Amino acid sequence: MPDNAEFSFHVHKLGNAGRPALFTIAIWEGTVLRGICYAQPLDAALAAFRKVLDEWGRQPMDEEVCRHSGMS
């Protein structure tokens, strides 16, 4: 993955009256929306997102890991 790779991700916040919000995070890989975490507290959701970014950072530079829809 190039050092300046671009990707799209979505965050959904589930509000719970009187309780901390939960978050779902997903990343577009080509035409597929890949779920990273589902209904997790913020710290857990961000940790899952960071894990994915760290994994991508260890990929060889010539390997395309994250594909943005409409971009080559």
PDB file of N, CA and C in Angstrom:
ATOM      1  N   MET A   1       0.856  -1.165   0.000  1.00  0.00           N
ATOM      2  CA  MET A   1       0.000   0.000   0.000  1.00  0.00           C
ATOM      3  C   MET A   1       0.902   1.228   0.000  1.00  0.00           C
ATOM      4  N   PRO A   2       0.639   2.196  -0.874  1.00  0.00           N
ATOM      5  CA  PRO A   2       1.451   3.409  -0.898  1.00  0.00           C
ATOM      6  C   PRO A   2       1.354   4.160   0.420  1.00  0.00           C
ATOM      7  N   ASP A   3       2.400   4.946   0.706  1.00  0.00           N
ATOM      8  CA  ASP A   3       2.404   5.709   1.948  1.00  0.00           C
ATOM      9  C   ASP A   3       1.240   6.688   2.026  1.00  0.00           C
ATOM     10  N   ASN A   4       0.751   7.148   0.894  1.00  0.00           N
ATOM     11  CA  ASN A   4      -0.325   8.139   0.891  1.00  0.00           C
ATOM     12  C   ASN A   4      -1.648   7.544   0.407  1.00  0.00           C
ATOM     13  N   ALA A   5      -1.897   6.288   0.765  1.00  0.00           N
ATOM     14  CA  ALA A   5      -3.126   5.614   0.349  1.00  0.00           C
ATOM     15  C   ALA A   5      -4.351   6.334   0.902  1.00  0.00           C
ATOM     16  N   GLU A   6      -5.420   6.264   0.130  1.00  0.00           N
ATOM     17  CA  GLU A   6      -6.687   6.866   0.536  1.00  0.00           C
ATOM     18  C   GLU A   6      -7.737   5.776   0.633  1.00  0.00           C
ATOM     19  N   PHE A   7      -8.591   5.869   1.619  1.00  0.00           N
ATOM     20  CA  PHE A   7      -9.671   4.908   1.773  1.00  0.00           C
ATOM     21  C   PHE A   7     -10.872   5.611   2.370  1.00  0.00           C
ATOM     22  N   SER A   8     -12.022   4.961   2.267  1.00  0.00           N
ATOM     23  CA  SER A   8     -13.263   5.502   2.825  1.00  0.00           C
ATOM     24  C   SER A   8     -13.728   4.589   3.943  1.00  0.00           C
ATOM     25  N   PHE A   9     -14.201   5.196   5.010  1.00  0.00           N
ATOM     26  CA  PHE A   9     -14.750   4.390   6.089  1.00  0.00           C
ATOM     27  C   PHE A   9     -16.026   5.041   6.602  1.00  0.00           C
ATOM     28  N   HIS A  10     -16.827   4.245   7.252  1.00  0.00           N
ATOM     29  CA  HIS A  10     -18.105   4.699   7.791  1.00  0.00           C
ATOM     30  C   HIS A  10     -18.147   4.406   9.283  1.00  0.00           C
ATOM     31  N   VAL A  11     -18.715   5.333  10.015  1.00  0.00           N
ATOM     32  CA  VAL A  11     -18.907   5.153  11.452  1.00  0.00           C
ATOM     33  C   VAL A  11     -20.383   5.377  11.748  1.00  0.00           C
ATOM     34  N   HIS A  12     -20.967   4.424  12.436  1.00  0.00           N
ATOM     35  CA  HIS A  12     -22.366   4.536  12.849  1.00  0.00           C
ATOM     36  C   HIS A  12     -22.385   4.596  14.372  1.00  0.00           C
ATOM     37  N   LYS A  13     -23.028   5.621  14.902  1.00  0.00           N
ATOM     38  CA  LYS A  13     -23.144   5.784  16.352  1.00  0.00           C
ATOM     39  C   LYS A  13     -24.546   5.364  16.784  1.00  0.00           C
ATOM     40  N   LEU A  14     -24.593   4.459  17.727  1.00  0.00           N
ATOM     41  CA  LEU A  14     -25.857   3.988  18.280  1.00  0.00           C
ATOM     42  C   LEU A  14     -26.018   4.642  19.644  1.00  0.00           C
ATOM     43  N   GLY A  15     -26.972   5.540  19.751  1.00  0.00           N
ATOM     44  CA  GLY A  15     -27.190   6.244  21.017  1.00  0.00           C
ATOM     45  C   GLY A  15     -28.059   5.444  21.953  1.00  0.00           C
ATOM     46  N   ASN A  16     -27.666   5.400  23.190  1.00  0.00           N
ATOM     47  CA  ASN A  16     -28.433   4.711  24.227  1.00  0.00           C
ATOM     48  C   ASN A  16     -28.712   5.709  25.334  1.00  0.00           C
ATOM     49  N   ALA A  17     -29.956   6.032  25.547  1.00  0.00           N
ATOM     50  CA  ALA A  17     -30.317   7.003  26.580  1.00  0.00           C
ATOM     51  C   ALA A  17     -29.767   6.561  27.929  1.00  0.00           C
ATOM     52  N   GLY A  18     -28.952   7.426  28.514  1.00  0.00           N
ATOM     53  CA  GLY A  18     -28.419   7.151  29.830  1.00  0.00           C
ATOM     54  C   GLY A  18     -27.237   6.201  29.861  1.00  0.00           C
ATOM     55  N   ARG A  19     -26.819   5.680  28.707  1.00  0.00           N
ATOM     56  CA  ARG A  19     -25.671   4.768  28.637  1.00  0.00           C
ATOM     57  C   ARG A  19     -24.707   5.277  27.582  1.00  0.00           C
ATOM     58  N   PRO A  20     -23.439   4.901  27.672  1.00  0.00           N
ATOM     59  CA  PRO A  20     -22.471   5.346  26.663  1.00  0.00           C
ATOM     60  C   PRO A  20     -22.862   4.879  25.265  1.00  0.00           C
ATOM     61  N   ALA A  21     -22.531   5.693  24.273  1.00  0.00           N
ATOM     62  CA  ALA A  21     -22.821   5.355  22.879  1.00  0.00           C
ATOM     63  C   ALA A  21     -21.977   4.162  22.438  1.00  0.00           C
ATOM     64  N   LEU A  22     -22.493   3.434  21.470  1.00  0.00           N
ATOM     65  CA  LEU A  22     -21.776   2.318  20.848  1.00  0.00           C
ATOM     66  C   LEU A  22     -21.520   2.680  19.392  1.00  0.00           C
ATOM     67  N   PHE A  23     -20.433   2.144  18.833  1.00  0.00           N
ATOM     68  CA  PHE A  23     -20.023   2.508  17.481  1.00  0.00           C
ATOM     69  C   PHE A  23     -19.775   1.270  16.630  1.00  0.00           C
ATOM     70  N   THR A  24     -20.178   1.372  15.363  1.00  0.00           N
ATOM     71  CA  THR A  24     -19.870   0.370  14.352  1.00  0.00           C
ATOM     72  C   THR A  24     -18.996   1.055  13.321  1.00  0.00           C
ATOM     73  N   ILE A  25     -17.883   0.421  12.946  1.00  0.00           N
ATOM     74  CA  ILE A  25     -16.967   0.983  11.951  1.00  0.00           C
ATOM     75  C   ILE A  25     -16.823  -0.012  10.813  1.00  0.00           C
ATOM     76  N   ALA A  26     -16.865   0.501   9.585  1.00  0.00           N
ATOM     77  CA  ALA A  26     -16.688  -0.322   8.390  1.00  0.00           C
ATOM     78  C   ALA A  26     -15.825   0.440   7.388  1.00  0.00           C
ATOM     79  N   ILE A  27     -15.098  -0.300   6.554  1.00  0.00           N
ATOM     80  CA  ILE A  27     -14.203   0.282   5.548  1.00  0.00           C
ATOM     81  C   ILE A  27     -14.558  -0.300   4.192  1.00  0.00           C
ATOM     82  N   TRP A  28     -14.586   0.565   3.168  1.00  0.00           N
ATOM     83  CA  TRP A  28     -14.821   0.110   1.805  1.00  0.00           C
ATOM     84  C   TRP A  28     -13.577  -0.581   1.274  1.00  0.00           C
ATOM     85  N   GLU A  29     -13.735  -1.781   0.759  1.00  0.00           N
ATOM     86  CA  GLU A  29     -12.688  -2.506   0.041  1.00  0.00           C
ATOM     87  C   GLU A  29     -13.274  -2.837  -1.326  1.00  0.00           C
ATOM     88  N   GLY A  30     -12.930  -2.022  -2.310  1.00  0.00           N
ATOM     89  CA  GLY A  30     -13.541  -2.156  -3.627  1.00  0.00           C
ATOM     90  C   GLY A  30     -15.005  -1.782  -3.521  1.00  0.00           C
ATOM     91  N   THR A  31     -15.881  -2.716  -3.859  1.00  0.00           N
ATOM     92  CA  THR A  31     -17.320  -2.459  -3.779  1.00  0.00           C
ATOM     93  C   THR A  31     -17.953  -3.101  -2.551  1.00  0.00           C
ATOM     94  N   VAL A  32     -17.124  -3.600  -1.630  1.00  0.00           N
ATOM     95  CA  VAL A  32     -17.605  -4.289  -0.435  1.00  0.00           C
ATOM     96  C   VAL A  32     -17.329  -3.427   0.799  1.00  0.00           C
ATOM     97  N   LEU A  33     -18.332  -3.286   1.637  1.00  0.00           N
ATOM     98  CA  LEU A  33     -18.179  -2.580   2.900  1.00  0.00           C
ATOM     99  C   LEU A  33     -17.804  -3.613   3.964  1.00  0.00           C
ATOM    100  N   ARG A  34     -16.559  -3.590   4.422  1.00  0.00           N
ATOM    101  CA  ARG A  34     -16.026  -4.579   5.362  1.00  0.00           C
ATOM    102  C   ARG A  34     -16.202  -4.083   6.789  1.00  0.00           C
ATOM    103  N   GLY A  35     -16.931  -4.829   7.580  1.00  0.00           N
ATOM    104  CA  GLY A  35     -17.133  -4.471   8.973  1.00  0.00           C
ATOM    105  C   GLY A  35     -15.860  -4.653   9.785  1.00  0.00           C
ATOM    106  N   ILE A  36     -15.502  -3.649  10.560  1.00  0.00           N
ATOM    107  CA  ILE A  36     -14.324  -3.708  11.418  1.00  0.00           C
ATOM    108  C   ILE A  36     -14.745  -4.043  12.845  1.00  0.00           C
ATOM    109  N   CYS A  37     -15.813  -3.423  13.320  1.00  0.00           N
ATOM    110  CA  CYS A  37     -16.355  -3.729  14.638  1.00  0.00           C
ATOM    111  C   CYS A  37     -17.838  -3.399  14.621  1.00  0.00           C
ATOM    112  N   TYR A  38     -18.578  -4.024  15.508  1.00  0.00           N
ATOM    113  CA  TYR A  38     -20.019  -3.829  15.550  1.00  0.00           C
ATOM    114  C   TYR A  38     -20.463  -3.497  16.966  1.00  0.00           C
ATOM    115  N   ALA A  39     -21.114  -2.352  17.126  1.00  0.00           N
ATOM    116  CA  ALA A  39     -21.725  -1.922  18.389  1.00  0.00           C
ATOM    117  C   ALA A  39     -20.772  -2.069  19.577  1.00  0.00           C
ATOM    118  N   GLN A  40     -19.648  -1.353  19.488  1.00  0.00           N
ATOM    119  CA  GLN A  40     -18.637  -1.390  20.547  1.00  0.00           C
ATOM    120  C   GLN A  40     -18.489  -0.010  21.186  1.00  0.00           C
ATOM    121  N   PRO A  41     -18.051   0.045  22.438  1.00  0.00           N
ATOM    122  CA  PRO A  41     -17.737   1.341  23.033  1.00  0.00           C
ATOM    123  C   PRO A  41     -16.632   2.026  22.218  1.00  0.00           C
ATOM    124  N   LEU A  42     -16.525   3.329  22.335  1.00  0.00           N
ATOM    125  CA  LEU A  42     -15.591   4.099  21.519  1.00  0.00           C
ATOM    126  C   LEU A  42     -14.165   3.567  21.585  1.00  0.00           C
ATOM    127  N   ASP A  43     -13.646   3.295  22.771  1.00  0.00           N
ATOM    128  CA  ASP A  43     -12.264   2.815  22.890  1.00  0.00           C
ATOM    129  C   ASP A  43     -12.049   1.505  22.136  1.00  0.00           C
ATOM    130  N   ALA A  44     -12.976   0.582  22.241  1.00  0.00           N
ATOM    131  CA  ALA A  44     -12.860  -0.700  21.543  1.00  0.00           C
ATOM    132  C   ALA A  44     -12.983  -0.514  20.037  1.00  0.00           C
ATOM    133  N   ALA A  45     -13.883   0.363  19.601  1.00  0.00           N
ATOM    134  CA  ALA A  45     -14.064   0.616  18.170  1.00  0.00           C
ATOM    135  C   ALA A  45     -12.797   1.230  17.575  1.00  0.00           C
ATOM    136  N   LEU A  46     -12.212   2.205  18.262  1.00  0.00           N
ATOM    137  CA  LEU A  46     -10.985   2.827  17.773  1.00  0.00           C
ATOM    138  C   LEU A  46      -9.812   1.852  17.796  1.00  0.00           C
ATOM    139  N   ALA A  47      -9.761   0.975  18.778  1.00  0.00           N
ATOM    140  CA  ALA A  47      -8.706  -0.040  18.831  1.00  0.00           C
ATOM    141  C   ALA A  47      -8.817  -0.996  17.644  1.00  0.00           C
ATOM    142  N   ALA A  48     -10.025  -1.380  17.281  1.00  0.00           N
ATOM    143  CA  ALA A  48     -10.227  -2.256  16.128  1.00  0.00           C
ATOM    144  C   ALA A  48      -9.808  -1.557  14.841  1.00  0.00           C
ATOM    145  N   PHE A  49     -10.154  -0.287  14.717  1.00  0.00           N
ATOM    146  CA  PHE A  49      -9.778   0.493  13.537  1.00  0.00           C
ATOM    147  C   PHE A  49      -8.255   0.627  13.461  1.00  0.00           C
ATOM    148  N   ARG A  50      -7.626   0.906  14.584  1.00  0.00           N
ATOM    149  CA  ARG A  50      -6.174   1.025  14.607  1.00  0.00           C
ATOM    150  C   ARG A  50      -5.505  -0.291  14.211  1.00  0.00           C
ATOM    151  N   LYS A  51      -6.049  -1.414  14.672  1.00  0.00           N
ATOM    152  CA  LYS A  51      -5.486  -2.725  14.325  1.00  0.00           C
ATOM    153  C   LYS A  51      -5.476  -2.926  12.815  1.00  0.00           C
ATOM    154  N   VAL A  52      -6.563  -2.568  12.159  1.00  0.00           N
ATOM    155  CA  VAL A  52      -6.635  -2.702  10.702  1.00  0.00           C
ATOM    156  C   VAL A  52      -5.602  -1.804  10.034  1.00  0.00           C
ATOM    157  N   LEU A  53      -5.483  -0.563  10.488  1.00  0.00           N
ATOM    158  CA  LEU A  53      -4.498   0.351   9.912  1.00  0.00           C
ATOM    159  C   LEU A  53      -3.081  -0.169  10.130  1.00  0.00           C
ATOM    160  N   ASP A  54      -2.806  -0.717  11.300  1.00  0.00           N
ATOM    161  CA  ASP A  54      -1.486  -1.293  11.567  1.00  0.00           C
ATOM    162  C   ASP A  54      -1.203  -2.471  10.637  1.00  0.00           C
ATOM    163  N   GLU A  55      -2.201  -3.325  10.418  1.00  0.00           N
ATOM    164  CA  GLU A  55      -2.029  -4.466   9.507  1.00  0.00           C
ATOM    165  C   GLU A  55      -1.725  -3.985   8.100  1.00  0.00           C
ATOM    166  N   TRP A  56      -2.437  -2.970   7.643  1.00  0.00           N
ATOM    167  CA  TRP A  56      -2.186  -2.427   6.310  1.00  0.00           C
ATOM    168  C   TRP A  56      -0.802  -1.816   6.219  1.00  0.00           C
ATOM    169  N   GLY A  57      -0.332  -1.221   7.310  1.00  0.00           N
ATOM    170  CA  GLY A  57       0.986  -0.611   7.326  1.00  0.00           C
ATOM    171  C   GLY A  57       2.116  -1.620   7.197  1.00  0.00           C
ATOM    172  N   ARG A  58       1.838  -2.894   7.519  1.00  0.00           N
ATOM    173  CA  ARG A  58       2.851  -3.942   7.406  1.00  0.00           C
ATOM    174  C   ARG A  58       2.833  -4.635   6.048  1.00  0.00           C
ATOM    175  N   GLN A  59       1.885  -4.290   5.180  1.00  0.00           N
ATOM    176  CA  GLN A  59       1.797  -4.907   3.855  1.00  0.00           C
ATOM    177  C   GLN A  59       2.914  -4.386   2.960  1.00  0.00           C
ATOM    178  N   PRO A  60       3.431  -5.222   2.052  1.00  0.00           N
ATOM    179  CA  PRO A  60       4.429  -4.739   1.090  1.00  0.00           C
ATOM    180  C   PRO A  60       3.866  -3.579   0.279  1.00  0.00           C
ATOM    181  N   MET A  61       4.735  -2.640  -0.079  1.00  0.00           N
ATOM    182  CA  MET A  61       4.306  -1.431  -0.768  1.00  0.00           C
ATOM    183  C   MET A  61       3.674  -1.714  -2.129  1.00  0.00           C
ATOM    184  N   ASP A  62       4.039  -2.818  -2.796  1.00  0.00           N
ATOM    185  CA  ASP A  62       3.493  -3.094  -4.120  1.00  0.00           C
ATOM    186  C   ASP A  62       2.166  -3.830  -4.077  1.00  0.00           C
ATOM    187  N   GLU A  63       1.705  -4.206  -2.896  1.00  0.00           N
ATOM    188  CA  GLU A  63       0.444  -4.931  -2.765  1.00  0.00           C
ATOM    189  C   GLU A  63      -0.684  -3.956  -2.457  1.00  0.00           C
ATOM    190  N   GLU A  64      -1.720  -3.987  -3.284  1.00  0.00           N
ATOM    191  CA  GLU A  64      -2.871  -3.123  -3.053  1.00  0.00           C
ATOM    192  C   GLU A  64      -3.794  -3.813  -2.066  1.00  0.00           C
ATOM    193  N   VAL A  65      -3.971  -3.210  -0.899  1.00  0.00           N
ATOM    194  CA  VAL A  65      -4.772  -3.826   0.153  1.00  0.00           C
ATOM    195  C   VAL A  65      -6.138  -3.182   0.224  1.00  0.00           C
ATOM    196  N   CYS A  66      -6.185  -1.884   0.183  1.00  0.00           N
ATOM    197  CA  CYS A  66      -7.439  -1.143   0.321  1.00  0.00           C
ATOM    198  C   CYS A  66      -7.740  -0.466  -1.002  1.00  0.00           C
ATOM    199  N   ARG A  67      -8.845  -0.811  -1.584  1.00  0.00           N
ATOM    200  CA  ARG A  67      -9.224  -0.223  -2.869  1.00  0.00           C
ATOM    201  C   ARG A  67     -10.418   0.692  -2.650  1.00  0.00           C
ATOM    202  N   HIS A  68     -10.294   1.910  -3.111  1.00  0.00           N
ATOM    203  CA  HIS A  68     -11.380   2.879  -2.997  1.00  0.00           C
ATOM    204  C   HIS A  68     -12.267   2.757  -4.232  1.00  0.00           C
ATOM    205  N   SER A  69     -13.547   2.702  -4.049  1.00  0.00           N
ATOM    206  CA  SER A  69     -14.466   2.595  -5.175  1.00  0.00           C
ATOM    207  C   SER A  69     -14.212   3.707  -6.174  1.00  0.00           C
ATOM    208  N   GLY A  70     -14.064   3.321  -7.438  1.00  0.00           N
ATOM    209  CA  GLY A  70     -13.877   4.299  -8.509  1.00  0.00           C
ATOM    210  C   GLY A  70     -12.452   4.766  -8.685  1.00  0.00           C
ATOM    211  N   MET A  71     -11.529   4.250  -7.894  1.00  0.00           N
ATOM    212  CA  MET A  71     -10.133   4.654  -8.024  1.00  0.00           C
ATOM    213  C   MET A  71      -9.298   3.438  -8.356  1.00  0.00           C
ATOM    214  N   SER A  72      -8.242   3.629  -9.116  1.00  0.00           N
ATOM    215  CA  SER A  72      -7.351   2.500  -9.425  1.00  0.00           C
ATOM    216  C   SER A  72      -5.960   2.764  -8.921  1.00  0.00           C
TER     217      SER A  72
END
